[in-house]
Protein backbone atom coordinates (compact mmCIF):
# COMPACT_ATOMS: atom_id res chain seq x y z
CA MET A 1 -15.48 -50.78 9.70
CA VAL A 2 -16.37 -47.43 9.33
CA LEU A 3 -13.29 -46.74 11.41
CA HIS A 4 -10.99 -48.48 9.34
CA PHE A 5 -11.51 -45.74 6.45
CA ALA A 6 -12.32 -42.58 9.03
CA ALA A 7 -9.14 -43.14 11.39
CA PRO A 8 -6.62 -42.89 8.35
CA GLY A 9 -8.50 -39.90 7.14
CA ILE A 10 -8.22 -38.18 10.40
CA ALA A 11 -4.24 -39.01 10.94
CA ALA A 12 -4.06 -38.08 6.97
CA ARG A 13 -5.62 -34.74 7.63
CA CYS A 14 -3.72 -33.99 10.82
CA PHE A 15 0.20 -34.87 9.68
CA TYR A 16 -0.14 -34.57 5.96
CA ARG A 17 -2.23 -31.76 5.18
CA GLU A 18 -0.65 -30.62 1.94
CA LYS A 19 -1.41 -34.14 0.57
CA TRP A 20 -3.64 -35.82 2.85
CA LYS A 21 -5.91 -37.24 0.18
CA LYS A 22 -2.95 -39.21 -1.24
CA GLN A 23 -1.56 -40.13 1.80
CA TRP A 24 -5.07 -41.53 2.90
CA LEU A 25 -5.49 -43.68 0.20
CA VAL A 26 -2.03 -45.22 0.82
CA MET A 27 -2.91 -45.83 4.41
CA ILE A 28 -6.63 -47.09 3.01
CA SER A 29 -4.19 -49.66 0.50
CA THR A 30 -2.94 -51.05 3.84
CA MET A 31 -6.31 -52.68 4.37
CA ILE A 32 -4.74 -55.29 1.95
CA VAL A 33 -3.41 -57.26 4.84
CA ASP A 34 -6.63 -58.53 5.42
CA LEU A 35 -6.54 -61.36 2.81
CA ASP A 36 -4.72 -63.16 5.39
CA HIS A 37 -8.53 -63.83 6.36
CA LEU A 38 -8.80 -66.09 3.46
CA LEU A 39 -6.32 -68.38 4.85
CA ALA A 40 -8.53 -69.21 7.97
CA THR A 41 -11.82 -71.66 8.22
CA PRO A 42 -14.16 -70.22 8.33
CA VAL A 43 -13.04 -67.21 6.60
CA LEU A 44 -15.19 -64.76 8.45
CA ASP A 45 -15.91 -65.69 12.14
CA ILE A 46 -17.43 -62.76 14.18
CA ASN A 47 -16.11 -63.90 17.47
CA ARG A 48 -12.62 -64.72 16.34
CA CYS A 49 -9.98 -62.12 17.45
CA SER A 50 -7.73 -61.26 14.19
CA ILE A 51 -4.72 -60.19 16.30
CA GLY A 52 -2.64 -63.31 16.82
CA PHE A 53 -4.62 -65.25 14.80
CA HIS A 54 -3.96 -64.34 10.89
CA PRO A 55 -0.40 -64.07 9.64
CA PHE A 56 -0.43 -60.61 8.96
CA HIS A 57 -2.19 -59.71 12.11
CA SER A 58 0.56 -61.62 14.42
CA TYR A 59 2.70 -60.22 16.87
CA VAL A 60 5.75 -60.37 14.77
CA ALA A 61 4.19 -58.54 11.93
CA ILE A 62 2.99 -56.12 14.00
CA GLY A 63 6.55 -55.31 15.50
CA ILE A 64 7.60 -54.99 11.80
CA TYR A 65 4.92 -52.73 11.09
CA ALA A 66 6.51 -50.48 14.09
CA CYS A 67 9.98 -50.61 12.89
CA LEU A 68 8.61 -49.48 9.20
CA PHE A 69 7.67 -46.27 10.93
CA PHE A 70 11.61 -45.49 11.13
CA PHE A 71 11.96 -45.28 7.39
CA PRO A 72 10.57 -42.11 5.98
CA GLY A 73 9.55 -43.37 3.04
CA LEU A 74 7.55 -46.11 4.56
CA ARG A 75 6.16 -44.38 7.41
CA VAL A 76 2.65 -43.57 5.77
CA VAL A 77 2.11 -47.39 5.00
CA SER A 78 3.46 -48.19 8.54
CA LEU A 79 0.51 -45.72 10.19
CA GLY A 80 -1.77 -47.22 7.99
CA LEU A 81 -1.08 -50.57 9.00
CA LEU A 82 -0.73 -49.47 12.76
CA ILE A 83 -3.90 -47.92 12.88
CA HIS A 84 -5.32 -50.85 10.84
CA MET A 85 -4.15 -53.58 14.03
CA PHE A 86 -5.19 -50.72 16.47
CA LEU A 87 -8.83 -50.84 15.59
CA ASP A 88 -8.57 -54.70 15.14
CA TYR A 89 -7.21 -54.75 18.83
CA THR A 90 -10.15 -52.62 19.72
CA ASP A 91 -12.44 -55.14 18.34
CA CYS A 92 -10.72 -58.07 20.42
CA VAL A 93 -11.14 -55.77 23.55
CA TRP A 94 -15.09 -55.12 22.99
CA MET A 95 -15.35 -58.78 22.31
CA GLY A 96 -13.97 -59.67 25.70
CA MET A 97 -10.54 -61.50 24.25
């Protein structure tokens, strides 16, 4: 979970040096996509892989997040979402799924 805050911070510092704090907050706000976990039963299952299970963690959604990167005004949001999905994917890999 720490990486969900640290990784966007590192990305913001690397790519947006002048206004990194604002961009970091934008990327952190993309964690709102985790609200889709509330649609699952049980809400929290530590053995469940989020990728491909929850609507905002679906492969179609990830493709949309990647497409958003090509729009300059949405690039920071896209980067935050993609970092989030990557970190969730690494959780799946570590769980062996």
